[in-house]
PDB file of N, CA and C in Angstrom:
ATOM      1  N   MET A   1      20.875  46.555 -21.822  1.00  0.00           N
ATOM      2  CA  MET A   1      20.334  46.554 -23.155  1.00  0.00           C
ATOM      3  C   MET A   1      21.446  46.105 -24.094  1.00  0.00           C
ATOM      4  N   ASP A   2      21.157  45.107 -24.915  1.00  0.00           N
ATOM      5  CA  ASP A   2      22.158  44.655 -25.880  1.00  0.00           C
ATOM      6  C   ASP A   2      21.941  45.339 -27.230  1.00  0.00           C
ATOM      7  N   LYS A   3      22.804  45.030 -28.189  1.00  0.00           N
ATOM      8  CA  LYS A   3      22.760  45.699 -29.495  1.00  0.00           C
ATOM      9  C   LYS A   3      21.414  45.471 -30.191  1.00  0.00           C
ATOM     10  N   SER A   4      20.891  44.276 -30.119  1.00  0.00           N
ATOM     11  CA  SER A   4      19.614  43.975 -30.760  1.00  0.00           C
ATOM     12  C   SER A   4      18.483  44.817 -30.169  1.00  0.00           C
ATOM     13  N   GLN A   5      18.451  44.922 -28.861  1.00  0.00           N
ATOM     14  CA  GLN A   5      17.424  45.729 -28.200  1.00  0.00           C
ATOM     15  C   GLN A   5      17.598  47.210 -28.531  1.00  0.00           C
ATOM     16  N   LEU A   6      18.840  47.677 -28.570  1.00  0.00           N
ATOM     17  CA  LEU A   6      19.116  49.064 -28.920  1.00  0.00           C
ATOM     18  C   LEU A   6      18.663  49.352 -30.349  1.00  0.00           C
ATOM     19  N   SER A   7      18.934  48.441 -31.259  1.00  0.00           N
ATOM     20  CA  SER A   7      18.503  48.595 -32.658  1.00  0.00           C
ATOM     21  C   SER A   7      16.991  48.644 -32.751  1.00  0.00           C
ATOM     22  N   GLU A   8      16.316  47.732 -32.054  1.00  0.00           N
ATOM     23  CA  GLU A   8      14.860  47.675 -32.089  1.00  0.00           C
ATOM     24  C   GLU A   8      14.238  48.957 -31.548  1.00  0.00           C
ATOM     25  N   LEU A   9      14.746  49.448 -30.435  1.00  0.00           N
ATOM     26  CA  LEU A   9      14.236  50.679 -29.851  1.00  0.00           C
ATOM     27  C   LEU A   9      14.469  51.870 -30.780  1.00  0.00           C
ATOM     28  N   THR A  10      15.624  51.917 -31.408  1.00  0.00           N
ATOM     29  CA  THR A  10      15.941  53.007 -32.324  1.00  0.00           C
ATOM     30  C   THR A  10      15.005  52.995 -33.530  1.00  0.00           C
ATOM     31  N   VAL A  11      14.693  51.814 -34.062  1.00  0.00           N
ATOM     32  CA  VAL A  11      13.753  51.705 -35.187  1.00  0.00           C
ATOM     33  C   VAL A  11      12.373  52.203 -34.763  1.00  0.00           C
ATOM     34  N   ARG A  12      11.931  51.842 -33.569  1.00  0.00           N
ATOM     35  CA  ARG A  12      10.616  52.308 -33.083  1.00  0.00           C
ATOM     36  C   ARG A  12      10.608  53.825 -32.942  1.00  0.00           C
ATOM     37  N   ARG A  13      11.705  54.398 -32.434  1.00  0.00           N
ATOM     38  CA  ARG A  13      11.772  55.861 -32.286  1.00  0.00           C
ATOM     39  C   ARG A  13      11.796  56.541 -33.649  1.00  0.00           C
ATOM     40  N   ALA A  14      12.486  55.945 -34.622  1.00  0.00           N
ATOM     41  CA  ALA A  14      12.529  56.512 -35.976  1.00  0.00           C
ATOM     42  C   ALA A  14      11.147  56.484 -36.610  1.00  0.00           C
ATOM     43  N   ALA A  15      10.368  55.448 -36.321  1.00  0.00           N
ATOM     44  CA  ALA A  15       9.020  55.330 -36.885  1.00  0.00           C
ATOM     45  C   ALA A  15       8.110  56.445 -36.381  1.00  0.00           C
ATOM     46  N   ASP A  16       8.407  57.003 -35.219  1.00  0.00           N
ATOM     47  CA  ASP A  16       7.620  58.105 -34.666  1.00  0.00           C
ATOM     48  C   ASP A  16       8.030  59.446 -35.252  1.00  0.00           C
ATOM     49  N   GLY A  17       9.086  59.456 -36.053  1.00  0.00           N
ATOM     50  CA  GLY A  17       9.623  60.697 -36.605  1.00  0.00           C
ATOM     51  C   GLY A  17       8.892  61.141 -37.860  1.00  0.00           C
ATOM     52  N   PRO A  18       9.475  62.099 -38.559  1.00  0.00           N
ATOM     53  CA  PRO A  18       8.853  62.642 -39.769  1.00  0.00           C
ATOM     54  C   PRO A  18       8.762  61.596 -40.881  1.00  0.00           C
ATOM     55  N   ASP A  19       7.898  61.905 -41.833  1.00  0.00           N
ATOM     56  CA  ASP A  19       7.734  60.992 -42.976  1.00  0.00           C
ATOM     57  C   ASP A  19       9.036  60.854 -43.735  1.00  0.00           C
ATOM     58  N   GLY A  20       9.176  59.745 -44.395  1.00  0.00           N
ATOM     59  CA  GLY A  20      10.382  59.478 -45.162  1.00  0.00           C
ATOM     60  C   GLY A  20      10.795  58.043 -44.947  1.00  0.00           C
ATOM     61  N   PRO A  21      11.867  57.642 -45.604  1.00  0.00           N
ATOM     62  CA  PRO A  21      12.315  56.258 -45.459  1.00  0.00           C
ATOM     63  C   PRO A  21      12.699  55.952 -44.015  1.00  0.00           C
ATOM     64  N   GLN A  22      12.215  54.843 -43.528  1.00  0.00           N
ATOM     65  CA  GLN A  22      12.515  54.431 -42.164  1.00  0.00           C
ATOM     66  C   GLN A  22      13.593  53.356 -42.185  1.00  0.00           C
ATOM     67  N   PRO A  23      14.582  53.466 -41.317  1.00  0.00           N
ATOM     68  CA  PRO A  23      15.629  52.438 -41.270  1.00  0.00           C
ATOM     69  C   PRO A  23      15.060  51.146 -40.692  1.00  0.00           C
ATOM     70  N   SER A  24      15.617  50.038 -41.121  1.00  0.00           N
ATOM     71  CA  SER A  24      15.226  48.747 -40.565  1.00  0.00           C
ATOM     72  C   SER A  24      16.106  48.446 -39.349  1.00  0.00           C
ATOM     73  N   GLU A  25      15.744  47.420 -38.605  1.00  0.00           N
ATOM     74  CA  GLU A  25      16.584  47.009 -37.478  1.00  0.00           C
ATOM     75  C   GLU A  25      17.961  46.581 -37.981  1.00  0.00           C
ATOM     76  N   GLY A  26      18.003  45.963 -39.156  1.00  0.00           N
ATOM     77  CA  GLY A  26      19.278  45.574 -39.756  1.00  0.00           C
ATOM     78  C   GLY A  26      20.134  46.781 -40.114  1.00  0.00           C
ATOM     79  N   ASP A  27      19.485  47.843 -40.637  1.00  0.00           N
ATOM     80  CA  ASP A  27      20.205  49.083 -40.965  1.00  0.00           C
ATOM     81  C   ASP A  27      20.864  49.665 -39.716  1.00  0.00           C
ATOM     82  N   ILE A  28      20.090  49.745 -38.646  1.00  0.00           N
ATOM     83  CA  ILE A  28      20.602  50.310 -37.394  1.00  0.00           C
ATOM     84  C   ILE A  28      21.728  49.438 -36.846  1.00  0.00           C
ATOM     85  N   GLY A  29      21.549  48.127 -36.883  1.00  0.00           N
ATOM     86  CA  GLY A  29      22.582  47.208 -36.410  1.00  0.00           C
ATOM     87  C   GLY A  29      23.875  47.366 -37.170  1.00  0.00           C
ATOM     88  N   ARG A  30      23.755  47.548 -38.486  1.00  0.00           N
ATOM     89  CA  ARG A  30      24.959  47.734 -39.314  1.00  0.00           C
ATOM     90  C   ARG A  30      25.678  49.022 -38.944  1.00  0.00           C
ATOM     91  N   VAL A  31      24.938  50.095 -38.735  1.00  0.00           N
ATOM     92  CA  VAL A  31      25.553  51.372 -38.336  1.00  0.00           C
ATOM     93  C   VAL A  31      26.267  51.210 -36.993  1.00  0.00           C
ATOM     94  N   LEU A  32      25.615  50.535 -36.039  1.00  0.00           N
ATOM     95  CA  LEU A  32      26.259  50.312 -34.736  1.00  0.00           C
ATOM     96  C   LEU A  32      27.542  49.515 -34.901  1.00  0.00           C
ATOM     97  N   ASP A  33      27.513  48.470 -35.747  1.00  0.00           N
ATOM     98  CA  ASP A  33      28.721  47.677 -35.998  1.00  0.00           C
ATOM     99  C   ASP A  33      29.815  48.526 -36.629  1.00  0.00           C
ATOM    100  N   LEU A  34      29.445  49.391 -37.573  1.00  0.00           N
ATOM    101  CA  LEU A  34      30.440  50.231 -38.239  1.00  0.00           C
ATOM    102  C   LEU A  34      31.068  51.222 -37.264  1.00  0.00           C
ATOM    103  N   LEU A  35      30.281  51.738 -36.336  1.00  0.00           N
ATOM    104  CA  LEU A  35      30.809  52.678 -35.348  1.00  0.00           C
ATOM    105  C   LEU A  35      31.625  51.980 -34.266  1.00  0.00           C
ATOM    106  N   SER A  36      31.045  50.960 -33.672  1.00  0.00           N
ATOM    107  CA  SER A  36      31.688  50.335 -32.510  1.00  0.00           C
ATOM    108  C   SER A  36      32.592  49.170 -32.858  1.00  0.00           C
ATOM    109  N   GLY A  37      32.389  48.569 -34.016  1.00  0.00           N
ATOM    110  CA  GLY A  37      33.224  47.451 -34.430  1.00  0.00           C
ATOM    111  C   GLY A  37      32.638  46.107 -34.068  1.00  0.00           C
ATOM    112  N   THR A  38      33.251  45.083 -34.595  1.00  0.00           N
ATOM    113  CA  THR A  38      32.879  43.704 -34.336  1.00  0.00           C
ATOM    114  C   THR A  38      34.154  42.943 -33.979  1.00  0.00           C
ATOM    115  N   VAL A  39      34.006  41.672 -33.700  1.00  0.00           N
ATOM    116  CA  VAL A  39      35.178  40.841 -33.416  1.00  0.00           C
ATOM    117  C   VAL A  39      36.094  40.799 -34.639  1.00  0.00           C
ATOM    118  N   GLU A  40      35.489  40.760 -35.821  1.00  0.00           N
ATOM    119  CA  GLU A  40      36.259  40.628 -37.064  1.00  0.00           C
ATOM    120  C   GLU A  40      36.877  41.932 -37.549  1.00  0.00           C
ATOM    121  N   GLN A  41      36.245  43.067 -37.243  1.00  0.00           N
ATOM    122  CA  GLN A  41      36.721  44.334 -37.811  1.00  0.00           C
ATOM    123  C   GLN A  41      36.506  45.481 -36.827  1.00  0.00           C
ATOM    124  N   ALA A  42      37.525  46.288 -36.662  1.00  0.00           N
ATOM    125  CA  ALA A  42      37.415  47.460 -35.788  1.00  0.00           C
ATOM    126  C   ALA A  42      36.432  48.456 -36.372  1.00  0.00           C
ATOM    127  N   GLY A  43      35.749  49.169 -35.509  1.00  0.00           N
ATOM    128  CA  GLY A  43      34.832  50.213 -35.951  1.00  0.00           C
ATOM    129  C   GLY A  43      35.546  51.535 -36.123  1.00  0.00           C
ATOM    130  N   THR A  44      34.818  52.513 -36.638  1.00  0.00           N
ATOM    131  CA  THR A  44      35.415  53.817 -36.906  1.00  0.00           C
ATOM    132  C   THR A  44      35.853  54.523 -35.631  1.00  0.00           C
ATOM    133  N   ILE A  45      35.155  54.289 -34.517  1.00  0.00           N
ATOM    134  CA  ILE A  45      35.583  54.908 -33.257  1.00  0.00           C
ATOM    135  C   ILE A  45      36.948  54.364 -32.852  1.00  0.00           C
ATOM    136  N   ALA A  46      37.108  53.043 -32.879  1.00  0.00           N
ATOM    137  CA  ALA A  46      38.389  52.432 -32.495  1.00  0.00           C
ATOM    138  C   ALA A  46      39.507  52.861 -33.434  1.00  0.00           C
ATOM    139  N   GLU A  47      39.224  52.891 -34.723  1.00  0.00           N
ATOM    140  CA  GLU A  47      40.240  53.300 -35.696  1.00  0.00           C
ATOM    141  C   GLU A  47      40.692  54.733 -35.443  1.00  0.00           C
ATOM    142  N   THR A  48      39.737  55.608 -35.144  1.00  0.00           N
ATOM    143  CA  THR A  48      40.056  57.011 -34.890  1.00  0.00           C
ATOM    144  C   THR A  48      40.898  57.161 -33.624  1.00  0.00           C
ATOM    145  N   LEU A  49      40.524  56.425 -32.571  1.00  0.00           N
ATOM    146  CA  LEU A  49      41.294  56.475 -31.323  1.00  0.00           C
ATOM    147  C   LEU A  49      42.705  55.947 -31.521  1.00  0.00           C
ATOM    148  N   LYS A  50      42.835  54.871 -32.278  1.00  0.00           N
ATOM    149  CA  LYS A  50      44.155  54.291 -32.517  1.00  0.00           C
ATOM    150  C   LYS A  50      45.038  55.244 -33.310  1.00  0.00           C
ATOM    151  N   ALA A  51      44.428  56.085 -34.147  1.00  0.00           N
ATOM    152  CA  ALA A  51      45.174  57.075 -34.925  1.00  0.00           C
ATOM    153  C   ALA A  51      45.561  58.288 -34.078  1.00  0.00           C
ATOM    154  N   GLY A  52      45.211  58.261 -32.792  1.00  0.00           N
ATOM    155  CA  GLY A  52      45.598  59.350 -31.903  1.00  0.00           C
ATOM    156  C   GLY A  52      44.617  60.499 -31.828  1.00  0.00           C
ATOM    157  N   GLU A  53      43.444  60.322 -32.394  1.00  0.00           N
ATOM    158  CA  GLU A  53      42.437  61.376 -32.368  1.00  0.00           C
ATOM    159  C   GLU A  53      41.342  61.035 -31.363  1.00  0.00           C
ATOM    160  N   ALA A  54      40.684  62.052 -30.844  1.00  0.00           N
ATOM    161  CA  ALA A  54      39.534  61.862 -29.962  1.00  0.00           C
ATOM    162  C   ALA A  54      38.275  61.819 -30.820  1.00  0.00           C
ATOM    163  N   VAL A  55      37.222  61.242 -30.283  1.00  0.00           N
ATOM    164  CA  VAL A  55      35.923  61.192 -30.956  1.00  0.00           C
ATOM    165  C   VAL A  55      34.932  61.935 -30.075  1.00  0.00           C
ATOM    166  N   THR A  56      34.354  63.008 -30.595  1.00  0.00           N
ATOM    167  CA  THR A  56      33.383  63.802 -29.853  1.00  0.00           C
ATOM    168  C   THR A  56      32.023  63.651 -30.502  1.00  0.00           C
ATOM    169  N   LEU A  57      31.027  63.302 -29.687  1.00  0.00           N
ATOM    170  CA  LEU A  57      29.666  63.103 -30.172  1.00  0.00           C
ATOM    171  C   LEU A  57      28.766  64.201 -29.616  1.00  0.00           C
ATOM    172  N   GLY A  58      29.077  65.420 -29.995  1.00  0.00           N
ATOM    173  CA  GLY A  58      28.312  66.574 -29.532  1.00  0.00           C
ATOM    174  C   GLY A  58      28.290  66.658 -28.023  1.00  0.00           C
ATOM    175  N   SER A  59      27.168  67.103 -27.472  1.00  0.00           N
ATOM    176  CA  SER A  59      27.077  67.236 -26.021  1.00  0.00           C
ATOM    177  C   SER A  59      26.769  65.908 -25.335  1.00  0.00           C
ATOM    178  N   PHE A  60      26.691  64.811 -26.117  1.00  0.00           N
ATOM    179  CA  PHE A  60      26.535  63.474 -25.537  1.00  0.00           C
ATOM    180  C   PHE A  60      27.805  63.060 -24.801  1.00  0.00           C
ATOM    181  N   GLY A  61      28.951  63.354 -25.399  1.00  0.00           N
ATOM    182  CA  GLY A  61      30.217  63.012 -24.769  1.00  0.00           C
ATOM    183  C   GLY A  61      31.252  62.631 -25.801  1.00  0.00           C
ATOM    184  N   GLY A  62      32.331  62.037 -25.346  1.00  0.00           N
ATOM    185  CA  GLY A  62      33.387  61.689 -26.278  1.00  0.00           C
ATOM    186  C   GLY A  62      34.306  60.605 -25.742  1.00  0.00           C
ATOM    187  N   PHE A  63      35.068  60.048 -26.653  1.00  0.00           N
ATOM    188  CA  PHE A  63      36.034  58.999 -26.349  1.00  0.00           C
ATOM    189  C   PHE A  63      37.440  59.547 -26.531  1.00  0.00           C
ATOM    190  N   GLN A  64      38.341  59.124 -25.653  1.00  0.00           N
ATOM    191  CA  GLN A  64      39.757  59.447 -25.777  1.00  0.00           C
ATOM    192  C   GLN A  64      40.534  58.159 -25.517  1.00  0.00           C
ATOM    193  N   ALA A  65      41.763  58.147 -25.962  1.00  0.00           N
ATOM    194  CA  ALA A  65      42.637  57.003 -25.691  1.00  0.00           C
ATOM    195  C   ALA A  65      43.979  57.513 -25.198  1.00  0.00           C
ATOM    196  N   ALA A  66      44.525  56.812 -24.217  1.00  0.00           N
ATOM    197  CA  ALA A  66      45.852  57.120 -23.700  1.00  0.00           C
ATOM    198  C   ALA A  66      46.483  55.819 -23.234  1.00  0.00           C
ATOM    199  N   ASP A  67      47.711  55.592 -23.648  1.00  0.00           N
ATOM    200  CA  ASP A  67      48.452  54.394 -23.246  1.00  0.00           C
ATOM    201  C   ASP A  67      47.694  53.105 -23.564  1.00  0.00           C
ATOM    202  N   GLY A  68      47.015  53.095 -24.705  1.00  0.00           N
ATOM    203  CA  GLY A  68      46.313  51.897 -25.139  1.00  0.00           C
ATOM    204  C   GLY A  68      45.000  51.628 -24.430  1.00  0.00           C
ATOM    205  N   VAL A  69      44.501  52.588 -23.670  1.00  0.00           N
ATOM    206  CA  VAL A  69      43.239  52.419 -22.946  1.00  0.00           C
ATOM    207  C   VAL A  69      42.264  53.506 -23.397  1.00  0.00           C
ATOM    208  N   ALA A  70      41.066  53.077 -23.784  1.00  0.00           N
ATOM    209  CA  ALA A  70      40.031  54.023 -24.200  1.00  0.00           C
ATOM    210  C   ALA A  70      39.173  54.400 -23.006  1.00  0.00           C
ATOM    211  N   SER A  71      38.721  55.641 -23.004  1.00  0.00           N
ATOM    212  CA  SER A  71      37.806  56.084 -21.955  1.00  0.00           C
ATOM    213  C   SER A  71      36.724  56.948 -22.585  1.00  0.00           C
ATOM    214  N   PHE A  72      35.591  57.026 -21.893  1.00  0.00           N
ATOM    215  CA  PHE A  72      34.463  57.831 -22.345  1.00  0.00           C
ATOM    216  C   PHE A  72      34.182  58.876 -21.291  1.00  0.00           C
ATOM    217  N   ARG A  73      34.011  60.093 -21.735  1.00  0.00           N
ATOM    218  CA  ARG A  73      33.652  61.177 -20.818  1.00  0.00           C
ATOM    219  C   ARG A  73      32.289  61.714 -21.252  1.00  0.00           C
ATOM    220  N   ALA A  74      31.335  61.607 -20.370  1.00  0.00           N
ATOM    221  CA  ALA A  74      29.985  62.071 -20.684  1.00  0.00           C
ATOM    222  C   ALA A  74      29.974  63.573 -20.898  1.00  0.00           C
ATOM    223  N   GLY A  75      29.167  64.014 -21.841  1.00  0.00           N
ATOM    224  CA  GLY A  75      29.013  65.433 -22.110  1.00  0.00           C
ATOM    225  C   GLY A  75      27.916  66.047 -21.262  1.00  0.00           C
ATOM    226  N   THR A  76      27.723  67.323 -21.431  1.00  0.00           N
ATOM    227  CA  THR A  76      26.752  68.073 -20.639  1.00  0.00           C
ATOM    228  C   THR A  76      25.333  67.545 -20.797  1.00  0.00           C
ATOM    229  N   ALA A  77      24.906  67.316 -22.023  1.00  0.00           N
ATOM    230  CA  ALA A  77      23.522  66.878 -22.251  1.00  0.00           C
ATOM    231  C   ALA A  77      23.244  65.540 -21.581  1.00  0.00           C
ATOM    232  N   LEU A  78      24.143  64.588 -21.713  1.00  0.00           N
ATOM    233  CA  LEU A  78      23.952  63.271 -21.098  1.00  0.00           C
ATOM    234  C   LEU A  78      23.974  63.386 -19.575  1.00  0.00           C
ATOM    235  N   THR A  79      24.912  64.131 -19.037  1.00  0.00           N
ATOM    236  CA  THR A  79      25.011  64.297 -17.588  1.00  0.00           C
ATOM    237  C   THR A  79      23.751  64.942 -17.023  1.00  0.00           C
ATOM    238  N   GLU A  80      23.289  66.003 -17.657  1.00  0.00           N
ATOM    239  CA  GLU A  80      22.082  66.674 -17.174  1.00  0.00           C
ATOM    240  C   GLU A  80      20.866  65.758 -17.264  1.00  0.00           C
ATOM    241  N   TYR A  81      20.758  64.991 -18.335  1.00  0.00           N
ATOM    242  CA  TYR A  81      19.639  64.063 -18.483  1.00  0.00           C
ATOM    243  C   TYR A  81      19.655  63.012 -17.371  1.00  0.00           C
ATOM    244  N   LEU A  82      20.817  62.440 -17.117  1.00  0.00           N
ATOM    245  CA  LEU A  82      20.925  61.391 -16.093  1.00  0.00           C
ATOM    246  C   LEU A  82      20.649  61.940 -14.692  1.00  0.00           C
ATOM    247  N   ARG A  83      20.921  63.195 -14.481  1.00  0.00           N
ATOM    248  CA  ARG A  83      20.679  63.826 -13.176  1.00  0.00           C
ATOM    249  C   ARG A  83      19.303  64.498 -13.104  1.00  0.00           C
ATOM    250  N   ASP A  84      18.452  64.259 -14.125  1.00  0.00           N
ATOM    251  CA  ASP A  84      17.119  64.869 -14.208  1.00  0.00           C
ATOM    252  C   ASP A  84      17.180  66.391 -14.153  1.00  0.00           C
ATOM    253  N   GLN A  85      18.218  66.951 -14.807  1.00  0.00           N
ATOM    254  CA  GLN A  85      18.390  68.401 -14.812  1.00  0.00           C
ATOM    255  C   GLN A  85      18.073  69.005 -16.178  1.00  0.00           C
ATOM    256  N   THR A  86      17.425  68.231 -17.053  1.00  0.00           N
ATOM    257  CA  THR A  86      17.129  68.767 -18.382  1.00  0.00           C
ATOM    258  C   THR A  86      16.033  69.803 -18.279  1.00  0.00           C
ATOM    259  N   ARG A  87      16.108  70.728 -19.194  1.00  0.00           N
ATOM    260  CA  ARG A  87      15.141  71.835 -19.173  1.00  0.00           C
ATOM    261  C   ARG A  87      13.859  71.458 -19.825  1.00  0.00           C
TER     262      ARG A  87
END
């Protein structure tokens, strides 16, 4: 799944949610760019890792950096979902 497909799916899921302003595919794409970065500009995750801090996304997981290499460690919720162990 590429960024465009991820944005489109996220917009469809948001449309199924409660009433209120719905984000556009462009809105979602911009948020993804701000978090993950683009060729032209680093995202907030990369900036945070470069500053020596970890990024934790709740029970989804988190990013760490050591010796100039970033890694992702899945959290409990993501691991259980992937293993079909969700309640």
